[in-house]
Protein backbone atom coordinates (compact mmCIF):
# COMPACT_ATOMS: atom_id res chain seq x y z
CA MET A 1 -0.29 0.19 -0.20
CA ARG A 2 2.63 2.32 0.88
CA LEU A 3 4.44 1.80 -2.49
CA ARG A 4 1.23 2.56 -4.42
CA THR A 5 0.80 5.68 -2.40
CA LEU A 6 3.99 6.65 -3.24
CA SER A 7 4.14 6.22 -6.88
CA VAL A 8 0.62 8.15 -7.03
CA ILE A 9 2.09 10.94 -5.38
CA THR A 10 5.19 10.53 -8.28
CA ALA A 11 2.85 10.68 -11.12
CA VAL A 12 0.74 13.27 -9.98
CA ILE A 13 4.18 14.94 -9.15
CA LEU A 14 5.64 14.85 -12.72
CA ALA A 15 2.47 15.55 -14.39
CA THR A 16 2.06 18.72 -12.16
CA PHE A 17 5.46 19.52 -12.64
CA LEU A 18 5.56 19.22 -16.49
CA THR A 19 2.34 21.51 -16.56
CA ALA A 20 3.88 24.24 -14.62
CA LEU A 21 7.36 24.27 -15.87
CA ASP A 22 5.84 25.12 -19.41
CA ASN A 23 4.59 28.28 -17.73
CA THR A 24 7.87 29.44 -17.00
CA VAL A 25 10.89 28.19 -19.22
CA VAL A 26 9.33 29.65 -22.62
CA ASN A 27 9.58 33.49 -21.43
CA VAL A 28 13.85 33.83 -20.69
CA ALA A 29 14.10 32.13 -24.23
CA LEU A 30 11.71 34.51 -26.30
CA PRO A 31 13.97 36.53 -27.28
CA GLU A 32 15.83 33.86 -29.31
CA MET A 33 13.31 32.42 -30.42
CA ARG A 34 12.44 36.10 -31.98
CA ARG A 35 15.81 35.96 -33.79
CA GLU A 36 15.59 32.36 -35.04
CA LEU A 37 11.99 32.68 -36.40
CA GLY A 38 11.71 36.15 -37.23
CA MET A 39 8.46 36.81 -34.76
CA SER A 40 6.52 40.01 -34.02
CA ASP A 41 6.26 41.49 -30.27
CA THR A 42 2.71 40.46 -30.92
CA GLY A 43 3.60 36.73 -32.19
CA LEU A 44 5.54 36.74 -28.92
CA LYS A 45 2.60 37.52 -26.64
CA TRP A 46 0.83 34.86 -28.46
CA VAL A 47 3.28 32.25 -27.86
CA ALA A 48 3.61 33.38 -23.80
CA THR A 49 -0.29 33.53 -24.07
CA ALA A 50 -1.23 30.73 -25.94
CA TYR A 51 -0.60 27.58 -23.37
CA PRO A 52 -2.38 29.13 -20.21
CA LEU A 53 -5.23 30.61 -22.46
CA SER A 54 -5.79 27.51 -23.90
CA LEU A 55 -5.04 25.61 -20.84
CA ALA A 56 -8.19 27.52 -19.16
CA GLY A 57 -10.42 27.08 -21.80
CA PHE A 58 -10.18 22.99 -21.82
CA LEU A 59 -10.36 23.09 -18.24
CA LEU A 60 -14.22 22.47 -17.80
CA PHE A 61 -14.64 20.13 -20.44
CA ALA A 62 -11.82 18.26 -19.31
CA GLY A 63 -12.78 18.02 -15.71
CA GLN A 64 -16.15 16.80 -16.74
CA LEU A 65 -14.43 14.09 -18.78
CA THR A 66 -12.30 13.47 -15.81
CA ASP A 67 -15.71 12.49 -14.23
CA ALA A 68 -17.30 11.01 -17.15
CA ARG A 69 -13.82 8.72 -18.17
CA GLY A 70 -12.39 8.10 -14.44
CA ARG A 71 -9.11 10.23 -13.20
CA ARG A 72 -6.90 7.23 -14.84
CA TRP A 73 -8.19 7.74 -18.14
CA SER A 74 -7.55 11.32 -18.12
CA LEU A 75 -4.52 12.14 -16.64
CA LEU A 76 -2.87 9.64 -19.27
CA THR A 77 -4.61 11.29 -21.84
CA GLY A 78 -3.08 14.30 -20.99
CA LEU A 79 0.26 13.19 -20.35
CA ALA A 80 0.17 11.72 -24.17
CA VAL A 81 -1.15 14.84 -25.84
CA PHE A 82 1.06 16.83 -23.61
CA THR A 83 4.59 15.33 -25.00
CA GLY A 84 3.31 14.77 -28.06
CA SER A 85 2.52 18.41 -29.01
CA SER A 86 5.93 18.98 -27.03
CA VAL A 87 8.02 17.60 -29.34
CA CYS A 88 6.16 19.18 -31.99
CA CYS A 89 6.72 22.34 -30.37
CA ALA A 90 10.84 20.98 -30.77
CA LEU A 91 10.56 20.96 -33.88
CA SER A 92 8.44 24.31 -34.95
CA GLY A 93 9.76 26.06 -37.89
CA THR A 94 7.19 29.38 -38.09
CA GLU A 95 5.57 31.62 -35.60
CA GLY A 96 2.28 29.87 -36.44
CA MET A 97 3.19 26.30 -36.07
CA LEU A 98 4.99 26.97 -32.83
CA VAL A 99 1.76 28.96 -31.09
CA GLY A 100 -0.69 26.40 -32.47
CA PHE A 101 1.32 23.12 -31.03
CA ARG A 102 1.56 25.46 -27.97
CA ALA A 103 -1.67 25.83 -27.85
CA ALA A 104 -1.89 21.62 -27.87
CA GLN A 105 0.14 21.44 -25.02
CA GLY A 106 -2.21 23.70 -23.01
CA ALA A 107 -5.13 21.50 -23.82
CA GLY A 108 -2.77 18.11 -22.84
CA ALA A 109 -2.31 20.46 -19.39
CA ALA A 110 -6.26 20.49 -19.17
CA PHE A 111 -6.70 17.38 -18.99
CA ILE A 112 -3.79 16.81 -16.75
CA LEU A 113 -4.92 19.29 -13.94
CA PRO A 114 -8.49 18.37 -13.00
CA ALA A 115 -7.15 14.77 -13.04
CA SER A 116 -4.10 15.67 -10.71
CA LEU A 117 -6.26 17.44 -8.59
CA ALA A 118 -9.21 14.87 -8.41
CA VAL A 119 -6.97 11.82 -7.50
CA MET A 120 -5.17 13.90 -4.86
CA SER A 121 -8.87 14.51 -3.12
CA HIS A 122 -10.20 10.79 -3.40
CA ASP A 123 -7.14 7.97 -4.28
CA LEU A 124 -4.90 9.09 -1.33
CA PRO A 125 -5.35 7.95 1.90
CA ARG A 126 -6.71 10.98 4.27
CA SER A 127 -3.84 10.59 6.74
CA VAL A 128 -1.06 11.80 3.82
CA ARG A 129 -3.84 13.55 1.52
CA THR A 130 -1.83 16.76 3.00
CA ALA A 131 1.18 15.45 2.82
CA GLY A 132 0.20 15.33 -1.23
CA PHE A 133 -1.00 18.37 -1.77
CA GLY A 134 2.06 19.57 0.14
CA ALA A 135 4.74 17.92 -2.20
CA THR A 136 2.26 19.15 -5.44
CA THR A 137 2.63 22.31 -4.41
CA ALA A 138 6.81 22.07 -3.73
CA ALA A 139 6.23 20.89 -7.43
CA LEU A 140 4.96 23.54 -8.62
CA ALA A 141 7.11 26.23 -6.53
CA SER A 142 10.28 24.17 -7.98
CA ALA A 143 8.84 24.83 -11.24
CA LEU A 144 8.33 28.61 -10.60
CA ALA A 145 11.56 28.96 -9.30
CA PHE A 146 14.02 26.92 -11.43
CA GLY A 147 12.17 27.56 -14.63
CA PRO A 148 13.86 30.77 -15.34
CA VAL A 149 17.04 28.93 -14.50
CA ILE A 150 16.80 26.23 -16.67
CA SER A 151 15.40 27.84 -19.36
CA GLY A 152 18.39 30.31 -19.32
CA VAL A 153 20.72 27.63 -19.26
CA VAL A 154 19.48 25.27 -22.19
CA THR A 155 18.59 27.91 -24.31
CA GLN A 156 22.14 29.94 -24.26
CA HIS A 157 23.62 26.08 -24.83
CA LEU A 158 21.63 23.52 -26.29
CA GLY A 159 18.84 26.11 -28.36
CA TRP A 160 15.29 27.04 -27.06
CA GLU A 161 14.19 23.85 -29.13
CA TRP A 162 15.77 21.96 -25.74
CA LEU A 163 13.40 23.80 -23.81
CA PHE A 164 10.54 21.21 -25.47
CA ALA A 165 12.55 18.11 -25.81
CA LEU A 166 12.92 18.10 -21.98
CA ASN A 167 9.40 17.28 -21.17
CA VAL A 168 9.46 13.91 -23.17
CA PRO A 169 11.26 11.67 -20.98
CA LEU A 170 9.34 12.81 -17.97
CA GLY A 171 6.25 12.94 -19.92
CA ILE A 172 7.46 9.45 -20.67
CA ALA A 173 7.91 8.31 -17.11
CA GLY A 174 4.80 10.14 -15.69
CA PHE A 175 2.91 8.71 -18.17
CA LEU A 176 4.37 4.25 -17.16
CA VAL A 177 3.78 5.19 -13.47
CA GLY A 178 0.24 6.58 -13.90
CA ALA A 179 -0.43 3.40 -15.84
CA LEU A 180 1.39 1.00 -13.54
CA ALA A 181 -0.23 2.75 -10.23
CA LEU A 182 -3.84 4.48 -10.54
CA PRO A 183 -6.26 2.68 -10.32
CA GLY A 184 -8.69 1.54 -13.44
CA ALA A 185 -11.88 1.89 -12.07
CA ASP A 186 -11.95 5.28 -10.31
CA ARG A 187 -15.20 7.04 -11.81
CA GLY A 188 -16.46 7.69 -7.95
CA ALA A 189 -19.97 7.49 -6.69
CA PRO A 190 -22.62 7.34 -9.78
CA HIS A 191 -24.86 10.89 -10.38
CA PRO A 192 -27.44 10.93 -7.92
CA PRO A 193 -31.29 9.86 -9.01
CA GLY A 194 -32.91 12.35 -11.02
CA GLY A 195 -28.90 13.43 -11.95
CA PHE A 196 -27.99 16.55 -13.99
CA ALA A 197 -25.21 17.54 -16.43
CA ALA A 198 -22.49 19.67 -14.66
CA VAL A 199 -22.23 22.04 -17.23
CA SER A 200 -23.36 21.55 -21.17
CA HIS A 201 -20.99 21.64 -24.12
CA ARG A 202 -22.71 24.82 -25.26
CA VAL A 203 -21.79 26.43 -22.51
CA ILE A 204 -18.41 25.38 -22.33
CA ALA A 205 -17.94 26.53 -26.16
CA LEU A 206 -19.38 29.99 -25.39
CA THR A 207 -17.12 30.33 -22.37
CA CYS A 208 -13.80 29.78 -24.21
CA LEU A 209 -14.63 31.74 -27.27
CA SER A 210 -15.70 34.67 -25.28
CA LEU A 211 -12.01 34.08 -23.06
CA ALA A 212 -10.58 34.17 -26.68
CA ALA A 213 -12.08 37.15 -27.44
CA LEU A 214 -11.14 39.27 -24.32
CA VAL A 215 -7.32 38.16 -24.55
CA TYR A 216 -7.37 39.12 -28.46
CA CYS A 217 -8.96 42.21 -27.36
CA LEU A 218 -5.93 42.65 -24.52
CA ILE A 219 -3.57 41.53 -26.51
CA GLN A 220 -3.92 42.98 -30.17
CA GLY A 221 -5.39 46.33 -28.82
CA PRO A 222 -2.35 47.56 -27.24
CA ALA A 223 -0.31 47.16 -30.18
CA TYR A 224 -2.38 48.30 -32.70
CA GLY A 225 -4.81 50.51 -30.77
CA PHE A 226 -8.53 50.11 -29.47
CA GLY A 227 -10.22 51.37 -32.20
CA GLU A 228 -8.64 48.66 -35.09
CA PRO A 229 -11.68 46.64 -36.05
CA THR A 230 -11.15 43.50 -34.93
CA VAL A 231 -10.38 44.88 -31.62
CA VAL A 232 -13.18 46.61 -31.44
CA VAL A 233 -14.96 43.40 -32.71
CA SER A 234 -13.34 40.79 -30.35
CA GLY A 235 -14.82 43.36 -27.54
CA VAL A 236 -18.24 43.28 -28.32
CA ALA A 237 -17.82 39.36 -28.87
CA ALA A 238 -16.54 38.73 -25.43
CA VAL A 239 -18.95 41.51 -23.90
CA ALA A 240 -21.70 39.92 -25.95
CA GLY A 241 -21.03 35.89 -24.29
CA VAL A 242 -20.73 36.83 -21.21
CA VAL A 243 -24.21 38.83 -21.34
CA THR A 244 -25.43 35.42 -23.20
CA LEU A 245 -24.14 33.02 -20.29
CA CYS A 246 -25.52 35.09 -17.66
CA CYS A 247 -28.90 35.73 -19.38
CA ARG A 248 -29.49 32.20 -20.89
CA GLN A 249 -28.07 29.48 -18.67
CA GLU A 250 -30.66 27.40 -17.28
CA PRO A 251 -31.48 26.00 -13.84
CA ARG A 252 -30.91 22.48 -14.65
CA ARG A 253 -27.68 23.31 -16.57
CA SER A 254 -26.28 25.19 -14.14
CA ALA A 255 -27.32 22.60 -11.29
CA ALA A 256 -23.67 21.09 -10.50
CA LEU A 257 -22.38 24.29 -10.86
CA GLY A 258 -24.57 25.73 -7.63
CA GLN A 259 -23.36 22.53 -5.88
CA LEU A 260 -20.62 23.82 -6.02
CA LEU A 261 -20.68 27.42 -5.16
CA HIS A 262 -23.34 26.83 -2.80
CA ARG A 263 -20.54 25.20 -0.59
CA ARG A 264 -18.60 27.86 1.13
CA PRO A 265 -15.17 26.34 1.08
CA PHE A 266 -15.19 25.95 -2.32
CA LEU A 267 -16.80 29.13 -3.51
CA GLY A 268 -14.35 31.68 -0.76
CA GLY A 269 -11.86 29.25 -1.80
CA LEU A 270 -12.18 30.17 -5.73
CA VAL A 271 -12.26 33.72 -4.78
CA ALA A 272 -8.90 33.18 -2.70
CA GLN A 273 -7.16 31.60 -5.39
CA LEU A 274 -8.15 34.35 -7.68
CA LEU A 275 -7.10 37.14 -5.83
CA TRP A 276 -3.58 35.30 -4.68
CA GLY A 277 -3.16 34.43 -8.94
CA LEU A 278 -4.09 37.49 -9.78
CA GLY A 279 -1.22 39.32 -7.71
CA VAL A 280 1.27 36.38 -7.67
CA THR A 281 1.59 35.60 -11.58
CA GLY A 282 1.70 39.17 -12.75
CA VAL A 283 4.78 39.68 -10.20
CA TYR A 284 6.53 36.57 -11.42
CA PHE A 285 6.33 37.81 -15.19
CA TYR A 286 7.79 41.02 -14.43
CA THR A 287 9.83 40.42 -11.72
CA SER A 288 12.27 38.32 -14.21
CA GLN A 289 11.80 40.97 -16.81
CA PHE A 290 13.05 44.07 -13.89
CA LEU A 291 16.03 41.62 -12.51
CA GLN A 292 17.54 41.54 -16.22
CA SER A 293 16.44 44.66 -17.39
CA GLY A 294 16.44 47.03 -14.68
CA LEU A 295 19.87 44.98 -12.21
CA ARG A 296 21.34 44.03 -15.55
CA LEU A 297 21.31 40.32 -14.34
CA SER A 298 22.07 37.15 -16.88
CA PRO A 299 18.49 35.20 -17.49
CA THR A 300 20.27 31.93 -15.47
CA GLN A 301 21.40 35.24 -12.30
CA ALA A 302 17.27 36.27 -12.53
CA GLY A 303 16.22 32.50 -12.08
CA LEU A 304 18.48 32.02 -9.15
CA THR A 305 17.02 35.13 -7.77
CA PHE A 306 13.00 32.87 -6.67
CA THR A 307 15.30 29.78 -5.11
CA PRO A 308 14.00 31.62 -2.00
CA VAL A 309 10.97 31.77 -2.57
CA VAL A 310 10.73 27.47 -3.14
CA LEU A 311 13.24 27.16 -0.53
CA ALA A 312 10.97 29.08 2.16
CA LEU A 313 7.97 26.90 0.80
CA CYS A 314 9.62 23.51 0.98
CA VAL A 315 10.76 24.30 4.46
CA THR A 316 7.08 25.66 5.50
CA ALA A 317 4.86 22.80 4.32
CA PRO A 318 5.85 20.56 6.48
CA PHE A 319 4.04 22.61 9.44
CA ILE A 320 0.58 23.12 8.17
CA ALA A 321 -1.06 20.56 9.17
CA VAL A 322 0.10 21.06 12.85
CA MET A 323 -0.92 24.55 12.48
CA ALA A 324 -4.42 24.26 10.82
CA ARG A 325 -4.87 21.86 14.06
CA ARG A 326 -3.97 24.25 16.40
CA TRP A 327 -5.23 27.31 15.08
CA GLY A 328 -7.57 26.32 12.36
CA ASP A 329 -7.44 26.18 8.47
CA GLY A 330 -9.06 29.60 8.08
CA ARG A 331 -6.51 31.66 10.19
CA VAL A 332 -3.49 29.72 8.69
CA ALA A 333 -4.59 30.65 5.31
CA ALA A 334 -5.50 34.28 6.28
CA SER A 335 -1.91 34.52 7.57
CA GLY A 336 -0.37 33.08 4.75
CA LEU A 337 -2.43 35.72 2.34
CA LEU A 338 -1.37 38.63 4.44
CA LEU A 339 2.64 37.30 4.73
CA VAL A 340 2.44 36.82 0.44
CA ALA A 341 1.09 40.49 0.26
CA CYS A 342 3.71 41.80 3.15
CA GLY A 343 6.29 39.67 1.04
CA LEU A 344 5.34 41.71 -1.83
CA LEU A 345 5.61 45.15 -0.30
CA LEU A 346 9.33 44.06 1.17
CA VAL A 347 10.17 43.07 -2.69
CA ALA A 348 9.16 46.69 -3.85
CA LEU A 349 11.08 48.17 -1.11
CA GLY A 350 14.29 46.08 -1.36
CA SER A 351 14.06 47.20 -5.39
CA SER A 352 14.82 50.79 -4.29
CA TYR A 353 18.31 50.19 -3.44
CA GLY A 354 19.63 48.64 -6.71
CA ASP A 355 20.88 45.52 -4.92
CA LEU A 356 19.92 41.69 -5.13
CA VAL A 357 20.22 40.99 -1.55
CA ASP A 358 17.35 43.45 -0.89
CA LEU A 359 15.24 41.60 -2.83
CA LEU A 360 15.72 38.01 -1.14
CA PRO A 361 14.03 38.47 2.06
CA GLY A 362 10.92 39.46 0.33
CA LEU A 363 10.84 36.38 -1.84
CA ALA A 364 11.68 34.59 0.93
CA THR A 365 8.47 35.87 2.31
CA VAL A 366 6.61 35.37 -0.35
CA GLY A 367 7.06 31.56 -0.86
CA ALA A 368 6.36 30.96 3.08
CA GLY A 369 3.37 33.04 3.22
CA SER A 370 1.92 30.60 -0.30
CA ALA A 371 2.72 27.40 1.54
CA LEU A 372 0.33 28.91 4.99
CA ALA A 373 -2.43 29.62 1.85
CA LEU A 374 -2.47 26.04 0.53
CA PRO A 375 -5.38 25.00 3.40
CA VAL A 376 -7.39 26.93 0.62
CA THR A 377 -7.53 24.88 -2.10
CA THR A 378 -7.35 21.37 0.01
CA ARG A 379 -10.52 22.40 2.10
CA ALA A 380 -12.19 23.77 -1.10
CA LEU A 381 -11.22 20.38 -3.54
CA GLU A 382 -12.32 18.72 -0.18
CA SER A 383 -15.66 20.21 0.05
CA SER A 384 -16.73 19.24 -3.94
CA PRO A 385 -18.94 15.93 -3.92
CA ARG A 386 -17.12 12.72 -5.52
CA HIS A 387 -19.13 12.86 -8.30
CA LEU A 388 -17.84 16.09 -9.30
CA SER A 389 -14.30 16.24 -8.50
CA GLY A 390 -13.19 16.46 -11.84
CA PHE A 391 -15.18 19.15 -12.90
CA ALA A 392 -14.36 20.88 -9.37
CA ALA A 393 -10.76 20.72 -9.87
CA GLY A 394 -11.35 21.51 -13.51
CA LEU A 395 -13.42 25.04 -12.04
CA PHE A 396 -10.66 25.42 -9.62
CA SER A 397 -6.99 24.92 -12.16
CA ALA A 398 -9.11 27.41 -14.78
CA THR A 399 -9.58 29.79 -12.14
CA ARG A 400 -5.27 29.88 -11.12
CA GLU A 401 -4.79 29.64 -15.21
CA LEU A 402 -7.10 32.70 -15.89
CA SER A 403 -5.89 34.77 -13.13
CA GLY A 404 -2.68 34.39 -14.18
CA VAL A 405 -3.24 35.32 -18.11
CA PHE A 406 -5.20 38.16 -16.71
CA GLY A 407 -3.18 39.03 -13.35
CA ILE A 408 -0.12 39.74 -16.54
CA VAL A 409 -2.50 42.16 -17.91
CA LEU A 410 -3.76 44.08 -14.92
CA VAL A 411 -0.53 44.59 -13.56
CA GLY A 412 1.29 44.93 -16.71
CA ALA A 413 -1.28 48.04 -17.52
CA VAL A 414 -0.08 49.44 -13.81
CA VAL A 415 3.48 48.65 -14.45
CA THR A 416 3.48 50.26 -17.86
CA PHE A 417 1.22 53.10 -17.11
CA VAL A 418 3.68 54.29 -14.65
CA GLN A 419 6.66 53.58 -16.14
CA ARG A 420 5.41 55.86 -19.11
CA SER A 421 4.18 58.79 -16.76
CA ALA A 422 7.67 58.49 -14.90
CA GLN A 423 9.58 58.81 -18.58
CA SER A 424 7.19 61.71 -19.31
CA GLY A 425 8.27 63.42 -16.05
CA GLY A 426 11.76 63.12 -16.71
CA ALA A 427 12.76 60.28 -15.40
CA ALA A 428 15.76 58.26 -16.65
CA PRO A 429 14.49 54.95 -18.31
CA PRO A 430 16.23 52.15 -15.65
CA GLU A 431 14.49 54.45 -12.82
CA ALA A 432 11.03 54.75 -14.94
CA LEU A 433 10.86 50.80 -14.75
CA ARG A 434 11.70 50.35 -11.03
CA THR A 435 9.17 53.31 -10.61
CA GLY A 436 6.52 50.74 -12.34
CA TYR A 437 7.58 48.17 -11.05
CA GLN A 438 7.36 49.50 -7.74
CA ALA A 439 3.78 50.44 -8.24
CA GLY A 440 2.36 47.02 -9.98
CA LEU A 441 4.08 45.11 -6.86
CA CYS A 442 1.85 47.27 -4.70
CA MET A 443 -1.64 46.67 -6.55
CA ALA A 444 -0.43 42.72 -6.28
CA ALA A 445 0.12 43.04 -2.98
CA ALA A 446 -3.66 44.50 -2.20
CA LEU A 447 -4.72 42.19 -4.70
CA VAL A 448 -3.63 39.26 -2.85
CA GLY A 449 -4.11 40.59 0.95
CA ALA A 450 -7.68 40.90 -0.12
CA GLY A 451 -8.12 37.19 -0.16
CA ALA A 452 -7.43 36.76 3.79
CA PRO A 453 -10.84 38.00 5.20
CA VAL A 454 -12.03 35.77 2.19
CA ALA A 455 -9.85 33.11 3.16
CA VAL A 456 -11.60 33.66 7.13
CA TRP A 457 -14.83 33.60 5.97
CA ALA A 458 -14.58 30.05 3.84
CA LEU A 459 -12.40 27.90 5.81
CA ARG A 460 -14.23 28.63 9.48
CA ARG A 461 -15.54 26.03 11.66
CA PRO A 462 -19.21 25.68 10.33
CA ARG A 463 -22.20 25.92 13.03
CA GLU A 464 -25.19 24.20 12.94
CA HIS A 465 -27.38 25.76 11.64
CA ASP A 466 -24.72 26.88 8.86
CA ARG A 467 -24.51 22.96 7.67
CA GLU A 468 -27.86 23.11 7.70
CA HIS A 469 -28.48 26.61 4.78
CA GLU A 470 -26.03 24.87 2.95
CA ARG A 471 -27.54 21.20 2.56
CA ARG A 472 -30.69 23.55 1.83
CA ALA A 473 -28.69 25.33 -0.90
CA VAL A 474 -27.25 22.11 -2.46
CA GLU A 475 -30.47 20.23 -2.37
CA SER A 476 -32.15 23.50 -4.12
CA SER A 477 -29.36 23.49 -6.79
CA ALA A 478 -29.78 20.04 -7.42
CA GLY A 479 -33.44 20.40 -8.24
CA GLY A 480 -34.69 19.37 -4.55
CA LYS A 481 -32.64 15.92 -4.95
CA PRO A 482 -29.87 15.54 -1.77
């Protein structure tokens, strides 16, 4: 039993590490890709965003297939698609091919993520579940921390193509371990009598098209002007899609979503995750640029700067379960989010001195706080019904990915606006960059800090009347069927 449990955790860690690593390694290699493939600035943005956009867009659909076909099937399918598209990315010779296969990687990752979270929530013994989530979070943090270092070294000495080729052995290893360790019949509990569909494919397709239109508007608008016809059309299409989703969704079609959103830990966890991603992901993206452009560090040096994040996270993670039992999940998670916000402010303060050492305390604080915020994810996914575990994991993962995409856009808008204002006021380019970067950090800290009261509300110990109210709300959302 211990060997099987360890194998399951290993398969999930390998798959999770792959999907997170691909989100970070590309940014450092973009200049080399531009030179070799003759890419435009807009093309670079699409290479960077095609993966998370496709990942977020396919997650709900993949989550539903995870519930229908099983967690094992979904994880292995995702690993196969991801590994195959990585080979195609390595062989790409044009901008269009690279963008297309990056989107295919995102589709493969969309099957991996909900299956991984669902496996952790339902296929591991409860006694090791928190440790499993902690190990997975450490793998995610390791990918975020070491991705830029790996990218710099590989791009410099082997070429950017090898960033994708290196996914192949890891993907094959994850596939083999998962095929041997994961149970075959893992579809969970059957749907309740008089059951319901989670979310219709029509709604999912409309959601994906609306997201794609919105991202197209946000990427193309700054480059070509928001009055350009295709940008206007995409913006109108995004708004129309959102209005249609809000006005025409029938109660029966949204029954599964209603069940999840009526569970306080899941709804609060979703909001807290959104706020964390809006703040932290944008900061990761622009911190890498600041280190290279502002402090003149090499890509490898810039990547090494993030190691305090993962080290602090790994040191803190083993104590989460003990702290949660003593002080409660809500207090621990809220303290973690506040620590992340304080860490971002410390990074902003340290950037004023122009020395790398002054950034390290803030980055370590961000890592420790992110570890303490782990109960938000654990409790949110544990609160989902077993027959909706894949859909719930997909929705949670989609929120995380989209918060990252829009976090880059929001923090970037603040960074760009303040930087241009400073330059207009006569500041030198390095000083203007630092000023814009600090403003972006302050905005990110405010977003993450706003998640602390949400975590307290979501994870507080329920009183008896709260349980009764939640039970009635869930029954009502399911058409009166418990």
